[in-house]
Amino acid sequence: MAGYGWKTFFEDEDRPEKPRRYGVTEMRGPHYSLFSQNLLQEVFDSMGQFVDGLKFAGGSHSLMPKSYIKEVTNMAHKHNVYVSTGDWAEHLLRRGPSAFKDYIEECKQLGFDTIEIDAGSLGVPEEVLLRYVRLVKSGGLRAKPLFAVKFNKSDIPMNSDRAFGSYVVPTPRTSELVEDVDLLIRRAERCLEAGADMIMIDADDVCKQADSMRADIIAKVIGRLGLEKTMFEASNPKTSEWFIKQYGPRVNLFVDHSQVMDLECLRGRNLGKDHASVLGSSYFLF
């Protein structure tokens, strides 16, 4: 006789109830297509306990009416789901030094809880990046810097010895990108020291496809920063499966809304519990 398994959250299972510090599932919101409020409501009603965060990816919030954004953030908060911006802050640089502060205040008024800061797109010195992290925190929001494993060659510090305080000739900007995981980790560590809540790792050149995962980079990042403080983008179900198999259900992942249920089943099965969901109209026999 077939049985139905109800998903529960206890410390001795895959992870606790929300709000969670680990095993976080951040869901991609409006980006390639506009989410209707009805679709979001259906996702939250049927899978809300599995969704920790909603991200307006790709700066999509900049194209939407503020009234719509506010309605979406209110809806998310009713289901204990935090709301994050996407990588948009870099477009504020041309507006002057006060633009970032204004952006933080506007995000706060619209109901955002987290501001993502794309370190690569910003292209600012490390100290400026740290100042942005502190500004987000002082504004009462969570800071989530986004790092890629490849840097502009001109951003990589030279190893040559030089006297303290000596003048250093600026390195001309180039289009050449160089892989440097140690620089990624060092800058991420400094962001965490400045108050960042989570470090987002760009999928490009790291975890874009399951058959080309950079296990060496992922292991080094997690080993240095910790599982709780890192989040990886899982571009497809096979990538999610790789992460769960390698690091267990407590890994933090950013996925498309269509992958939430599959990911939750993977988190449960990893411990041999073979969880099945009976939320909404979705039933799984075991």
C-alpha atoms as a PDB file:
ATOM      1  CA  MET A   1       0.000   0.000   0.000  1.00  0.00           C
ATOM      2  CA  ALA A   2       1.353   3.370  -0.972  1.00  0.00           C
ATOM      3  CA  GLY A   3       1.992   5.939   1.760  1.00  0.00           C
ATOM      4  CA  TYR A   4       2.298   9.684   1.762  1.00  0.00           C
ATOM      5  CA  GLY A   5       5.138  11.446   3.522  1.00  0.00           C
ATOM      6  CA  TRP A   6       4.617  14.905   4.989  1.00  0.00           C
ATOM      7  CA  LYS A   7       7.581  17.221   5.019  1.00  0.00           C
ATOM      8  CA  THR A   8       8.598  18.348   8.485  1.00  0.00           C
ATOM      9  CA  PHE A   9      11.514  20.457   9.689  1.00  0.00           C
ATOM     10  CA  PHE A  10      13.474  19.462  12.758  1.00  0.00           C
ATOM     11  CA  GLU A  11      17.099  19.962  13.756  1.00  0.00           C
ATOM     12  CA  ASP A  12      17.739  16.218  13.360  1.00  0.00           C
ATOM     13  CA  GLU A  13      16.383  16.250   9.811  1.00  0.00           C
ATOM     14  CA  ASP A  14      17.854  18.131   6.874  1.00  0.00           C
ATOM     15  CA  ARG A  15      17.407  21.626   8.377  1.00  0.00           C
ATOM     16  CA  PRO A  16      15.170  23.621  10.747  1.00  0.00           C
ATOM     17  CA  GLU A  17      12.107  25.756  10.158  1.00  0.00           C
ATOM     18  CA  LYS A  18      12.372  29.256   8.675  1.00  0.00           C
ATOM     19  CA  PRO A  19      14.073  31.601   9.142  1.00  0.00           C
ATOM     20  CA  ARG A  20      17.072  29.401   8.358  1.00  0.00           C
ATOM     21  CA  ARG A  21      20.790  30.184   8.528  1.00  0.00           C
ATOM     22  CA  TYR A  22      21.699  27.245   6.292  1.00  0.00           C
ATOM     23  CA  GLY A  23      19.969  25.066   3.740  1.00  0.00           C
ATOM     24  CA  VAL A  24      18.573  28.273   2.258  1.00  0.00           C
ATOM     25  CA  THR A  25      16.662  28.135  -1.023  1.00  0.00           C
ATOM     26  CA  GLU A  26      16.581  31.490  -2.796  1.00  0.00           C
ATOM     27  CA  MET A  27      14.180  31.541  -5.717  1.00  0.00           C
ATOM     28  CA  ARG A  28      14.585  33.530  -8.906  1.00  0.00           C
ATOM     29  CA  GLY A  29      11.737  35.957  -9.372  1.00  0.00           C
ATOM     30  CA  PRO A  30      10.911  38.167 -12.362  1.00  0.00           C
ATOM     31  CA  HIS A  31      13.733  38.185 -14.897  1.00  0.00           C
ATOM     32  CA  TYR A  32      13.326  36.475 -18.243  1.00  0.00           C
ATOM     33  CA  SER A  33       9.550  36.823 -18.012  1.00  0.00           C
ATOM     34  CA  LEU A  34       7.240  38.768 -15.721  1.00  0.00           C
ATOM     35  CA  PHE A  35       5.750  36.847 -12.833  1.00  0.00           C
ATOM     36  CA  SER A  36       2.070  37.491 -12.329  1.00  0.00           C
ATOM     37  CA  GLN A  37       0.984  37.950  -8.739  1.00  0.00           C
ATOM     38  CA  ASN A  38      -1.277  34.928  -9.130  1.00  0.00           C
ATOM     39  CA  LEU A  39       1.669  32.726 -10.079  1.00  0.00           C
ATOM     40  CA  LEU A  40       3.741  33.981  -7.158  1.00  0.00           C
ATOM     41  CA  GLN A  41       0.824  33.419  -4.804  1.00  0.00           C
ATOM     42  CA  GLU A  42       0.458  29.845  -6.079  1.00  0.00           C
ATOM     43  CA  VAL A  43       4.166  29.202  -5.561  1.00  0.00           C
ATOM     44  CA  PHE A  44       4.063  30.570  -2.024  1.00  0.00           C
ATOM     45  CA  ASP A  45       0.830  28.745  -1.158  1.00  0.00           C
ATOM     46  CA  SER A  46       2.086  25.385  -2.423  1.00  0.00           C
ATOM     47  CA  MET A  47       5.833  25.605  -1.666  1.00  0.00           C
ATOM     48  CA  GLY A  48       6.199  28.556   0.671  1.00  0.00           C
ATOM     49  CA  GLN A  49       7.753  26.548   3.508  1.00  0.00           C
ATOM     50  CA  PHE A  50      10.542  25.482   1.137  1.00  0.00           C
ATOM     51  CA  VAL A  51      11.317  29.001  -0.163  1.00  0.00           C
ATOM     52  CA  ASP A  52      13.531  31.194   2.017  1.00  0.00           C
ATOM     53  CA  GLY A  53      14.142  34.081  -0.357  1.00  0.00           C
ATOM     54  CA  LEU A  54      12.853  35.715  -3.538  1.00  0.00           C
ATOM     55  CA  LYS A  55      15.310  37.527  -5.791  1.00  0.00           C
ATOM     56  CA  PHE A  56      14.430  40.100  -8.430  1.00  0.00           C
ATOM     57  CA  ALA A  57      17.189  38.879 -10.737  1.00  0.00           C
ATOM     58  CA  GLY A  58      19.004  40.938 -13.313  1.00  0.00           C
ATOM     59  CA  GLY A  59      17.838  44.296 -11.999  1.00  0.00           C
ATOM     60  CA  SER A  60      14.295  43.514 -13.137  1.00  0.00           C
ATOM     61  CA  HIS A  61      12.866  45.571 -10.261  1.00  0.00           C
ATOM     62  CA  SER A  62      14.132  48.718 -11.987  1.00  0.00           C
ATOM     63  CA  LEU A  63      11.616  48.160 -14.812  1.00  0.00           C
ATOM     64  CA  MET A  64       8.540  47.565 -12.687  1.00  0.00           C
ATOM     65  CA  PRO A  65       6.051  49.958 -11.108  1.00  0.00           C
ATOM     66  CA  LYS A  66       6.851  50.595  -7.464  1.00  0.00           C
ATOM     67  CA  SER A  67       3.301  49.675  -6.510  1.00  0.00           C
ATOM     68  CA  TYR A  68       3.761  46.201  -8.041  1.00  0.00           C
ATOM     69  CA  ILE A  69       7.093  45.673  -6.262  1.00  0.00           C
ATOM     70  CA  LYS A  70       5.537  46.651  -2.946  1.00  0.00           C
ATOM     71  CA  GLU A  71       2.674  44.210  -3.438  1.00  0.00           C
ATOM     72  CA  VAL A  72       5.131  41.400  -4.228  1.00  0.00           C
ATOM     73  CA  THR A  73       7.364  42.123  -1.217  1.00  0.00           C
ATOM     74  CA  ASN A  74       4.304  42.235   1.063  1.00  0.00           C
ATOM     75  CA  MET A  75       3.138  38.905  -0.329  1.00  0.00           C
ATOM     76  CA  ALA A  76       6.568  37.355   0.248  1.00  0.00           C
ATOM     77  CA  HIS A  77       6.781  38.620   3.814  1.00  0.00           C
ATOM     78  CA  LYS A  78       3.405  37.053   4.639  1.00  0.00           C
ATOM     79  CA  HIS A  79       5.049  33.693   3.852  1.00  0.00           C
ATOM     80  CA  ASN A  80       8.220  34.505   5.815  1.00  0.00           C
ATOM     81  CA  VAL A  81      10.201  34.907   2.577  1.00  0.00           C
ATOM     82  CA  TYR A  82      12.887  37.593   2.375  1.00  0.00           C
ATOM     83  CA  VAL A  83      13.226  39.653  -0.803  1.00  0.00           C
ATOM     84  CA  SER A  84      16.545  40.456  -2.484  1.00  0.00           C
ATOM     85  CA  THR A  85      17.542  42.815  -5.260  1.00  0.00           C
ATOM     86  CA  GLY A  86      19.566  41.564  -8.193  1.00  0.00           C
ATOM     87  CA  ASP A  87      22.808  42.947  -9.594  1.00  0.00           C
ATOM     88  CA  TRP A  88      21.684  46.492 -10.330  1.00  0.00           C
ATOM     89  CA  ALA A  89      23.702  48.764  -8.046  1.00  0.00           C
ATOM     90  CA  GLU A  90      26.472  49.226 -10.627  1.00  0.00           C
ATOM     91  CA  HIS A  91      24.137  51.360 -12.740  1.00  0.00           C
ATOM     92  CA  LEU A  92      23.980  53.930  -9.952  1.00  0.00           C
ATOM     93  CA  LEU A  93      27.634  54.943 -10.175  1.00  0.00           C
ATOM     94  CA  ARG A  94      27.029  57.452 -12.960  1.00  0.00           C
ATOM     95  CA  ARG A  95      24.552  59.346 -10.756  1.00  0.00           C
ATOM     96  CA  GLY A  96      27.118  60.487  -8.212  1.00  0.00           C
ATOM     97  CA  PRO A  97      28.353  59.516  -4.741  1.00  0.00           C
ATOM     98  CA  SER A  98      24.997  59.920  -2.970  1.00  0.00           C
ATOM     99  CA  ALA A  99      23.097  57.670  -5.403  1.00  0.00           C
ATOM    100  CA  PHE A 100      23.914  54.448  -3.538  1.00  0.00           C
ATOM    101  CA  LYS A 101      22.537  55.825  -0.261  1.00  0.00           C
ATOM    102  CA  ASP A 102      19.350  56.892  -2.044  1.00  0.00           C
ATOM    103  CA  TYR A 103      19.111  53.419  -3.612  1.00  0.00           C
ATOM    104  CA  ILE A 104      19.345  51.743  -0.190  1.00  0.00           C
ATOM    105  CA  GLU A 105      16.587  53.951   1.204  1.00  0.00           C
ATOM    106  CA  GLU A 106      14.332  53.308  -1.771  1.00  0.00           C
ATOM    107  CA  CYS A 107      14.869  49.535  -1.520  1.00  0.00           C
ATOM    108  CA  LYS A 108      13.971  49.713   2.156  1.00  0.00           C
ATOM    109  CA  GLN A 109      10.763  51.613   1.426  1.00  0.00           C
ATOM    110  CA  LEU A 110       9.777  49.083  -1.245  1.00  0.00           C
ATOM    111  CA  GLY A 111      10.144  46.191   1.189  1.00  0.00           C
ATOM    112  CA  PHE A 112      13.451  44.677   0.125  1.00  0.00           C
ATOM    113  CA  ASP A 113      15.350  42.899   2.889  1.00  0.00           C
ATOM    114  CA  THR A 114      18.639  42.187   1.082  1.00  0.00           C
ATOM    115  CA  ILE A 115      20.727  44.151  -1.398  1.00  0.00           C
ATOM    116  CA  GLU A 116      22.979  42.187  -3.717  1.00  0.00           C
ATOM    117  CA  ILE A 117      26.234  43.955  -4.617  1.00  0.00           C
ATOM    118  CA  ASP A 118      27.905  42.654  -7.774  1.00  0.00           C
ATOM    119  CA  ALA A 119      31.599  43.234  -7.080  1.00  0.00           C
ATOM    120  CA  GLY A 120      32.614  42.451 -10.648  1.00  0.00           C
ATOM    121  CA  SER A 121      30.119  44.743 -12.360  1.00  0.00           C
ATOM    122  CA  LEU A 122      30.776  47.605  -9.962  1.00  0.00           C
ATOM    123  CA  GLY A 123      34.478  47.587 -10.790  1.00  0.00           C
ATOM    124  CA  VAL A 124      35.319  49.700  -7.730  1.00  0.00           C
ATOM    125  CA  PRO A 125      38.358  49.450  -5.414  1.00  0.00           C
ATOM    126  CA  GLU A 126      38.094  47.012  -2.538  1.00  0.00           C
ATOM    127  CA  GLU A 127      37.721  49.725   0.097  1.00  0.00           C
ATOM    128  CA  VAL A 128      34.795  51.254  -1.805  1.00  0.00           C
ATOM    129  CA  LEU A 129      33.114  47.847  -1.976  1.00  0.00           C
ATOM    130  CA  LEU A 130      33.501  47.480   1.792  1.00  0.00           C
ATOM    131  CA  ARG A 131      32.022  50.937   2.276  1.00  0.00           C
ATOM    132  CA  TYR A 132      28.974  49.887   0.249  1.00  0.00           C
ATOM    133  CA  VAL A 133      28.560  46.806   2.452  1.00  0.00           C
ATOM    134  CA  ARG A 134      28.666  48.991   5.572  1.00  0.00           C
ATOM    135  CA  LEU A 135      26.170  51.440   4.049  1.00  0.00           C
ATOM    136  CA  VAL A 136      23.699  48.621   3.397  1.00  0.00           C
ATOM    137  CA  LYS A 137      24.093  47.341   6.948  1.00  0.00           C
ATOM    138  CA  SER A 138      23.762  50.820   8.473  1.00  0.00           C
ATOM    139  CA  GLY A 139      20.567  51.211   6.437  1.00  0.00           C
ATOM    140  CA  GLY A 140      19.078  48.226   8.263  1.00  0.00           C
ATOM    141  CA  LEU A 141      19.243  45.774   5.337  1.00  0.00           C
ATOM    142  CA  ARG A 142      21.236  42.613   4.686  1.00  0.00           C
ATOM    143  CA  ALA A 143      24.233  42.778   2.347  1.00  0.00           C
ATOM    144  CA  LYS A 144      24.977  40.008  -0.143  1.00  0.00           C
ATOM    145  CA  PRO A 145      28.118  40.648  -2.249  1.00  0.00           C
ATOM    146  CA  LEU A 146      28.314  38.683  -5.494  1.00  0.00           C
ATOM    147  CA  PHE A 147      31.729  37.455  -6.657  1.00  0.00           C
ATOM    148  CA  ALA A 148      32.940  35.802  -9.839  1.00  0.00           C
ATOM    149  CA  VAL A 149      36.075  33.657  -9.923  1.00  0.00           C
ATOM    150  CA  LYS A 150      37.563  35.711 -12.762  1.00  0.00           C
ATOM    151  CA  PHE A 151      38.853  39.260 -12.260  1.00  0.00           C
ATOM    152  CA  ASN A 152      40.048  41.977 -14.568  1.00  0.00           C
ATOM    153  CA  LYS A 153      43.802  41.516 -14.785  1.00  0.00           C
ATOM    154  CA  SER A 154      44.374  45.104 -13.668  1.00  0.00           C
ATOM    155  CA  ASP A 155      42.496  44.396 -10.388  1.00  0.00           C
ATOM    156  CA  ILE A 156      44.881  41.655  -9.287  1.00  0.00           C
ATOM    157  CA  PRO A 157      47.485  43.014  -6.829  1.00  0.00           C
ATOM    158  CA  MET A 158      51.120  42.874  -7.873  1.00  0.00           C
ATOM    159  CA  ASN A 159      53.466  40.787  -5.735  1.00  0.00           C
ATOM    160  CA  SER A 160      56.451  43.129  -6.041  1.00  0.00           C
ATOM    161  CA  ASP A 161      57.846  44.573  -2.793  1.00  0.00           C
ATOM    162  CA  ARG A 162      57.474  48.300  -2.301  1.00  0.00           C
ATOM    163  CA  ALA A 163      58.074  50.674   0.576  1.00  0.00           C
ATOM    164  CA  PHE A 164      55.055  51.583   2.711  1.00  0.00           C
ATOM    165  CA  GLY A 165      53.459  54.785   1.479  1.00  0.00           C
ATOM    166  CA  SER A 166      55.281  54.771  -1.833  1.00  0.00           C
ATOM    167  CA  TYR A 167      53.485  55.924  -4.970  1.00  0.00           C
ATOM    168  CA  VAL A 168      52.093  53.099  -7.073  1.00  0.00           C
ATOM    169  CA  VAL A 169      51.433  53.756 -10.735  1.00  0.00           C
ATOM    170  CA  PRO A 170      47.831  52.706 -11.545  1.00  0.00           C
ATOM    171  CA  THR A 171      47.542  49.675 -13.794  1.00  0.00           C
ATOM    172  CA  PRO A 172      45.676  50.428 -17.052  1.00  0.00           C
ATOM    173  CA  ARG A 173      42.297  48.696 -17.387  1.00  0.00           C
ATOM    174  CA  THR A 174      42.241  45.772 -19.780  1.00  0.00           C
ATOM    175  CA  SER A 175      39.625  43.390 -21.119  1.00  0.00           C
ATOM    176  CA  GLU A 176      41.615  40.348 -20.010  1.00  0.00           C
ATOM    177  CA  LEU A 177      40.044  38.232 -17.251  1.00  0.00           C
ATOM    178  CA  VAL A 178      42.171  36.069 -14.987  1.00  0.00           C
ATOM    179  CA  GLU A 179      41.012  33.321 -12.634  1.00  0.00           C
ATOM    180  CA  ASP A 180      42.010  33.984  -9.025  1.00  0.00           C
ATOM    181  CA  VAL A 181      40.084  32.085  -6.356  1.00  0.00           C
ATOM    182  CA  ASP A 182      42.400  33.314  -3.596  1.00  0.00           C
ATOM    183  CA  LEU A 183      41.538  36.931  -4.417  1.00  0.00           C
ATOM    184  CA  LEU A 184      37.829  36.046  -4.432  1.00  0.00           C
ATOM    185  CA  ILE A 185      38.138  34.481  -0.974  1.00  0.00           C
ATOM    186  CA  ARG A 186      40.208  37.337   0.452  1.00  0.00           C
ATOM    187  CA  ARG A 187      37.727  39.969  -0.709  1.00  0.00           C
ATOM    188  CA  ALA A 188      34.775  37.869   0.435  1.00  0.00           C
ATOM    189  CA  GLU A 189      36.371  37.468   3.868  1.00  0.00           C
ATOM    190  CA  ARG A 190      36.815  41.220   4.152  1.00  0.00           C
ATOM    191  CA  CYS A 191      33.162  41.741   3.174  1.00  0.00           C
ATOM    192  CA  LEU A 192      32.077  39.319   5.902  1.00  0.00           C
ATOM    193  CA  GLU A 193      34.257  41.192   8.382  1.00  0.00           C
ATOM    194  CA  ALA A 194      32.531  44.416   7.270  1.00  0.00           C
ATOM    195  CA  GLY A 195      29.150  42.875   8.089  1.00  0.00           C
ATOM    196  CA  ALA A 196      28.025  41.060   4.914  1.00  0.00           C
ATOM    197  CA  ASP A 197      25.429  38.389   5.663  1.00  0.00           C
ATOM    198  CA  MET A 198      26.002  36.059   2.716  1.00  0.00           C
ATOM    199  CA  ILE A 199      28.472  35.689  -0.155  1.00  0.00           C
ATOM    200  CA  MET A 200      26.945  34.828  -3.538  1.00  0.00           C
ATOM    201  CA  ILE A 201      29.169  32.941  -5.988  1.00  0.00           C
ATOM    202  CA  ASP A 202      28.554  33.561  -9.692  1.00  0.00           C
ATOM    203  CA  ALA A 203      27.845  30.354 -11.603  1.00  0.00           C
ATOM    204  CA  ASP A 204      30.007  31.324 -14.597  1.00  0.00           C
ATOM    205  CA  ASP A 205      33.241  29.295 -14.766  1.00  0.00           C
ATOM    206  CA  VAL A 206      32.336  27.538 -11.496  1.00  0.00           C
ATOM    207  CA  CYS A 207      29.001  25.697 -11.493  1.00  0.00           C
ATOM    208  CA  LYS A 208      27.153  26.511 -14.697  1.00  0.00           C
ATOM    209  CA  GLN A 209      26.775  22.899 -15.843  1.00  0.00           C
ATOM    210  CA  ALA A 210      26.862  19.658 -13.856  1.00  0.00           C
ATOM    211  CA  ASP A 211      29.390  18.052 -16.221  1.00  0.00           C
ATOM    212  CA  SER A 212      31.893  20.899 -15.809  1.00  0.00           C
ATOM    213  CA  MET A 213      31.693  21.696 -12.087  1.00  0.00           C
ATOM    214  CA  ARG A 214      34.832  23.243 -10.612  1.00  0.00           C
ATOM    215  CA  ALA A 215      34.881  21.079  -7.504  1.00  0.00           C
ATOM    216  CA  ASP A 216      38.311  22.425  -6.522  1.00  0.00           C
ATOM    217  CA  ILE A 217      37.123  26.047  -6.444  1.00  0.00           C
ATOM    218  CA  ILE A 218      33.862  25.204  -4.664  1.00  0.00           C
ATOM    219  CA  ALA A 219      35.670  23.172  -1.987  1.00  0.00           C
ATOM    220  CA  LYS A 220      38.185  25.956  -1.375  1.00  0.00           C
ATOM    221  CA  VAL A 221      35.492  28.629  -1.107  1.00  0.00           C
ATOM    222  CA  ILE A 222      33.358  26.590   1.306  1.00  0.00           C
ATOM    223  CA  GLY A 223      36.417  25.530   3.291  1.00  0.00           C
ATOM    224  CA  ARG A 224      37.487  29.141   3.855  1.00  0.00           C
ATOM    225  CA  LEU A 225      34.154  30.972   4.082  1.00  0.00           C
ATOM    226  CA  GLY A 226      31.973  28.255   5.576  1.00  0.00           C
ATOM    227  CA  LEU A 227      28.824  26.557   4.319  1.00  0.00           C
ATOM    228  CA  GLU A 228      26.472  28.970   6.109  1.00  0.00           C
ATOM    229  CA  LYS A 229      28.019  32.087   4.579  1.00  0.00           C
ATOM    230  CA  THR A 230      28.120  31.009   0.922  1.00  0.00           C
ATOM    231  CA  MET A 231      25.391  30.639  -1.693  1.00  0.00           C
ATOM    232  CA  PHE A 232      25.804  29.099  -5.139  1.00  0.00           C
ATOM    233  CA  GLU A 233      23.663  29.453  -8.219  1.00  0.00           C
ATOM    234  CA  ALA A 234      22.304  26.103  -9.382  1.00  0.00           C
ATOM    235  CA  SER A 235      21.442  26.701 -13.037  1.00  0.00           C
ATOM    236  CA  ASN A 236      19.644  23.392 -13.528  1.00  0.00           C
ATOM    237  CA  PRO A 237      18.403  20.345 -11.537  1.00  0.00           C
ATOM    238  CA  LYS A 238      21.570  18.330 -12.205  1.00  0.00           C
ATOM    239  CA  THR A 239      23.684  21.100 -10.710  1.00  0.00           C
ATOM    240  CA  SER A 240      21.455  21.123  -7.615  1.00  0.00           C
ATOM    241  CA  GLU A 241      21.817  17.363  -7.327  1.00  0.00           C
ATOM    242  CA  TRP A 242      25.620  17.669  -7.489  1.00  0.00           C
ATOM    243  CA  PHE A 243      25.675  20.195  -4.645  1.00  0.00           C
ATOM    244  CA  ILE A 244      23.358  18.123  -2.426  1.00  0.00           C
ATOM    245  CA  LYS A 245      25.372  14.955  -3.025  1.00  0.00           C
ATOM    246  CA  GLN A 246      28.656  16.699  -2.288  1.00  0.00           C
ATOM    247  CA  TYR A 247      27.664  18.986   0.607  1.00  0.00           C
ATOM    248  CA  GLY A 248      24.360  17.686   1.914  1.00  0.00           C
ATOM    249  CA  PRO A 249      21.017  19.452   2.417  1.00  0.00           C
ATOM    250  CA  ARG A 250      22.534  22.382   4.340  1.00  0.00           C
ATOM    251  CA  VAL A 251      24.117  24.007   1.276  1.00  0.00           C
ATOM    252  CA  ASN A 252      22.584  27.364   0.239  1.00  0.00           C
ATOM    253  CA  LEU A 253      21.359  27.437  -3.361  1.00  0.00           C
ATOM    254  CA  PHE A 254      19.816  29.965  -5.739  1.00  0.00           C
ATOM    255  CA  VAL A 255      17.422  28.269  -8.182  1.00  0.00           C
ATOM    256  CA  ASP A 256      14.627  28.969 -10.629  1.00  0.00           C
ATOM    257  CA  HIS A 257      11.089  28.800  -9.237  1.00  0.00           C
ATOM    258  CA  SER A 258      10.464  25.673 -11.327  1.00  0.00           C
ATOM    259  CA  GLN A 259      13.214  23.798  -9.429  1.00  0.00           C
ATOM    260  CA  VAL A 260      12.061  24.461  -5.865  1.00  0.00           C
ATOM    261  CA  MET A 261      10.122  21.220  -5.403  1.00  0.00           C
ATOM    262  CA  ASP A 262      12.819  19.060  -7.014  1.00  0.00           C
ATOM    263  CA  LEU A 263      15.454  20.657  -4.801  1.00  0.00           C
ATOM    264  CA  GLU A 264      13.415  20.019  -1.671  1.00  0.00           C
ATOM    265  CA  CYS A 265      13.019  16.366  -2.583  1.00  0.00           C
ATOM    266  CA  LEU A 266      16.781  16.154  -3.139  1.00  0.00           C
ATOM    267  CA  ARG A 267      17.481  17.674   0.273  1.00  0.00           C
ATOM    268  CA  GLY A 268      15.286  15.028   1.948  1.00  0.00           C
ATOM    269  CA  ARG A 269      16.512  12.047  -0.077  1.00  0.00           C
ATOM    270  CA  ASN A 270      20.104  12.908   0.684  1.00  0.00           C
ATOM    271  CA  LEU A 271      19.491  11.712   4.261  1.00  0.00           C
ATOM    272  CA  GLY A 272      17.674   8.601   3.144  1.00  0.00           C
ATOM    273  CA  LYS A 273      14.261   9.907   4.207  1.00  0.00           C
ATOM    274  CA  ASP A 274      12.815  10.112   0.696  1.00  0.00           C
ATOM    275  CA  HIS A 275      10.537  13.023   1.612  1.00  0.00           C
ATOM    276  CA  ALA A 276       7.468  13.445  -0.556  1.00  0.00           C
ATOM    277  CA  SER A 277       5.391  16.575  -0.726  1.00  0.00           C
ATOM    278  CA  VAL A 278       1.627  16.709  -0.639  1.00  0.00           C
ATOM    279  CA  LEU A 279       1.397  20.475  -0.786  1.00  0.00           C
ATOM    280  CA  GLY A 280      -1.245  21.888  -3.081  1.00  0.00           C
ATOM    281  CA  SER A 281      -2.121  19.407  -5.809  1.00  0.00           C
ATOM    282  CA  SER A 282       1.297  17.726  -6.012  1.00  0.00           C
ATOM    283  CA  TYR A 283       1.417  14.146  -4.695  1.00  0.00           C
ATOM    284  CA  PHE A 284       4.353  11.763  -4.756  1.00  0.00           C
ATOM    285  CA  LEU A 285       4.033   8.084  -3.924  1.00  0.00           C
ATOM    286  CA  PHE A 286       6.793   6.056  -2.290  1.00  0.00           C
END
